[in-house]
Amino acid sequence: MGSTSKSKSPAAAETMEILMEISQLLNTGLDEETMALCLRLCENGVNPQALAQVIRELRRESADIRAESSGGGDGLSAREA
């Protein structure tokens, strides 16, 4: 799978570069690999808004888990409190 990123056409590479710049301007926190995966999912018919919601939810859950494991939580997630 890693070889596909090295064999991109110049147009595809430029598109990805522009998307990464937009991503950084919007402070999405997505790295290039994650952005490429999201792009491929959208190209294959995944609803971009639904994908964004899933990413937000995964980040929220990850933050909850980190808070609980660091002893900073009281066992309740932010939604349960």
C-alpha atoms as a PDB file:
ATOM      1  CA  MET A   1       0.000   0.000   0.000  1.00  0.00           C
ATOM      2  CA  GLY A   2       2.903   2.376   0.677  1.00  0.00           C
ATOM      3  CA  SER A   3       4.089   2.123  -2.932  1.00  0.00           C
ATOM      4  CA  THR A   4       0.966   3.876  -4.231  1.00  0.00           C
ATOM      5  CA  SER A   5       1.903   7.124  -2.499  1.00  0.00           C
ATOM      6  CA  LYS A   6       5.319   7.063  -4.185  1.00  0.00           C
ATOM      7  CA  SER A   7       3.867   6.475  -7.666  1.00  0.00           C
ATOM      8  CA  LYS A   8       1.313   9.314  -7.629  1.00  0.00           C
ATOM      9  CA  SER A   9       0.879  11.345 -10.766  1.00  0.00           C
ATOM     10  CA  PRO A  10       2.029  14.967 -10.523  1.00  0.00           C
ATOM     11  CA  ALA A  11      -1.598  16.139 -10.543  1.00  0.00           C
ATOM     12  CA  ALA A  12      -2.555  13.762  -7.728  1.00  0.00           C
ATOM     13  CA  ALA A  13       0.481  14.798  -5.703  1.00  0.00           C
ATOM     14  CA  GLU A  14      -0.395  18.478  -6.182  1.00  0.00           C
ATOM     15  CA  THR A  15      -4.008  17.829  -5.187  1.00  0.00           C
ATOM     16  CA  MET A  16      -2.878  16.032  -2.048  1.00  0.00           C
ATOM     17  CA  GLU A  17      -0.475  18.868  -1.218  1.00  0.00           C
ATOM     18  CA  ILE A  18      -3.283  21.416  -1.563  1.00  0.00           C
ATOM     19  CA  LEU A  19      -5.628  19.298   0.557  1.00  0.00           C
ATOM     20  CA  MET A  20      -2.959  19.030   3.270  1.00  0.00           C
ATOM     21  CA  GLU A  21      -2.483  22.806   3.247  1.00  0.00           C
ATOM     22  CA  ILE A  22      -6.242  23.310   3.618  1.00  0.00           C
ATOM     23  CA  SER A  23      -6.306  20.691   6.362  1.00  0.00           C
ATOM     24  CA  GLN A  24      -3.545  22.501   8.245  1.00  0.00           C
ATOM     25  CA  LEU A  25      -5.243  25.883   7.815  1.00  0.00           C
ATOM     26  CA  LEU A  26      -8.427  24.401   9.243  1.00  0.00           C
ATOM     27  CA  ASN A  27      -6.423  22.775  12.046  1.00  0.00           C
ATOM     28  CA  THR A  28      -7.961  19.345  11.418  1.00  0.00           C
ATOM     29  CA  GLY A  29      -5.075  17.470  13.000  1.00  0.00           C
ATOM     30  CA  LEU A  30      -5.094  14.918  10.175  1.00  0.00           C
ATOM     31  CA  ASP A  31      -1.751  13.636   8.957  1.00  0.00           C
ATOM     32  CA  GLU A  32      -1.095  12.922   5.276  1.00  0.00           C
ATOM     33  CA  GLU A  33      -1.829   9.205   5.557  1.00  0.00           C
ATOM     34  CA  THR A  34      -5.152   9.795   7.319  1.00  0.00           C
ATOM     35  CA  MET A  35      -6.093  12.501   4.825  1.00  0.00           C
ATOM     36  CA  ALA A  36      -5.332  10.131   1.939  1.00  0.00           C
ATOM     37  CA  LEU A  37      -7.513   7.439   3.531  1.00  0.00           C
ATOM     38  CA  CYS A  38     -10.375   9.905   3.994  1.00  0.00           C
ATOM     39  CA  LEU A  39     -10.018  11.055   0.395  1.00  0.00           C
ATOM     40  CA  ARG A  40     -10.134   7.463  -0.875  1.00  0.00           C
ATOM     41  CA  LEU A  41     -13.202   6.733   1.230  1.00  0.00           C
ATOM     42  CA  CYS A  42     -14.985   9.782  -0.186  1.00  0.00           C
ATOM     43  CA  GLU A  43     -13.960   8.837  -3.731  1.00  0.00           C
ATOM     44  CA  ASN A  44     -15.555   5.436  -3.091  1.00  0.00           C
ATOM     45  CA  GLY A  45     -18.884   6.916  -2.057  1.00  0.00           C
ATOM     46  CA  VAL A  46     -18.596   7.513   1.697  1.00  0.00           C
ATOM     47  CA  ASN A  47     -20.548  10.574   2.781  1.00  0.00           C
ATOM     48  CA  PRO A  48     -17.960  13.234   3.801  1.00  0.00           C
ATOM     49  CA  GLN A  49     -20.187  14.625   6.558  1.00  0.00           C
ATOM     50  CA  ALA A  50     -20.710  11.171   8.022  1.00  0.00           C
ATOM     51  CA  LEU A  51     -16.960  10.521   7.840  1.00  0.00           C
ATOM     52  CA  ALA A  52     -16.245  13.810   9.640  1.00  0.00           C
ATOM     53  CA  GLN A  53     -18.744  12.866  12.353  1.00  0.00           C
ATOM     54  CA  VAL A  54     -17.083   9.464  12.819  1.00  0.00           C
ATOM     55  CA  ILE A  55     -13.665  11.112  13.131  1.00  0.00           C
ATOM     56  CA  ARG A  56     -14.992  13.574  15.735  1.00  0.00           C
ATOM     57  CA  GLU A  57     -16.621  10.753  17.690  1.00  0.00           C
ATOM     58  CA  LEU A  58     -13.451   8.637  17.614  1.00  0.00           C
ATOM     59  CA  ARG A  59     -11.426  11.596  18.871  1.00  0.00           C
ATOM     60  CA  ARG A  60     -13.938  12.211  21.658  1.00  0.00           C
ATOM     61  CA  GLU A  61     -13.864   8.561  22.703  1.00  0.00           C
ATOM     62  CA  SER A  62     -10.070   8.517  22.558  1.00  0.00           C
ATOM     63  CA  ALA A  63      -9.878  11.600  24.766  1.00  0.00           C
ATOM     64  CA  ASP A  64     -12.305  10.001  27.254  1.00  0.00           C
ATOM     65  CA  ILE A  65     -10.214   6.829  27.388  1.00  0.00           C
ATOM     66  CA  ARG A  66      -6.999   8.814  27.879  1.00  0.00           C
ATOM     67  CA  ALA A  67      -8.594  10.862  30.657  1.00  0.00           C
ATOM     68  CA  GLU A  68      -9.804   7.723  32.426  1.00  0.00           C
ATOM     69  CA  SER A  69      -6.468   5.940  32.105  1.00  0.00           C
ATOM     70  CA  SER A  70      -4.533   8.940  33.437  1.00  0.00           C
ATOM     71  CA  GLY A  71      -6.717   9.047  36.533  1.00  0.00           C
ATOM     72  CA  GLY A  72      -8.191  12.395  35.554  1.00  0.00           C
ATOM     73  CA  GLY A  73     -11.714  11.104  35.109  1.00  0.00           C
ATOM     74  CA  ASP A  74     -14.395  10.104  37.540  1.00  0.00           C
ATOM     75  CA  GLY A  75     -15.507   7.212  35.366  1.00  0.00           C
ATOM     76  CA  LEU A  76     -18.060   9.317  33.476  1.00  0.00           C
ATOM     77  CA  SER A  77     -17.551  10.516  29.954  1.00  0.00           C
ATOM     78  CA  ALA A  78     -18.273  14.136  29.111  1.00  0.00           C
ATOM     79  CA  ARG A  79     -21.622  13.103  27.618  1.00  0.00           C
ATOM     80  CA  GLU A  80     -22.689  11.205  30.721  1.00  0.00           C
ATOM     81  CA  ALA A  81     -21.827  13.989  33.166  1.00  0.00           C
END
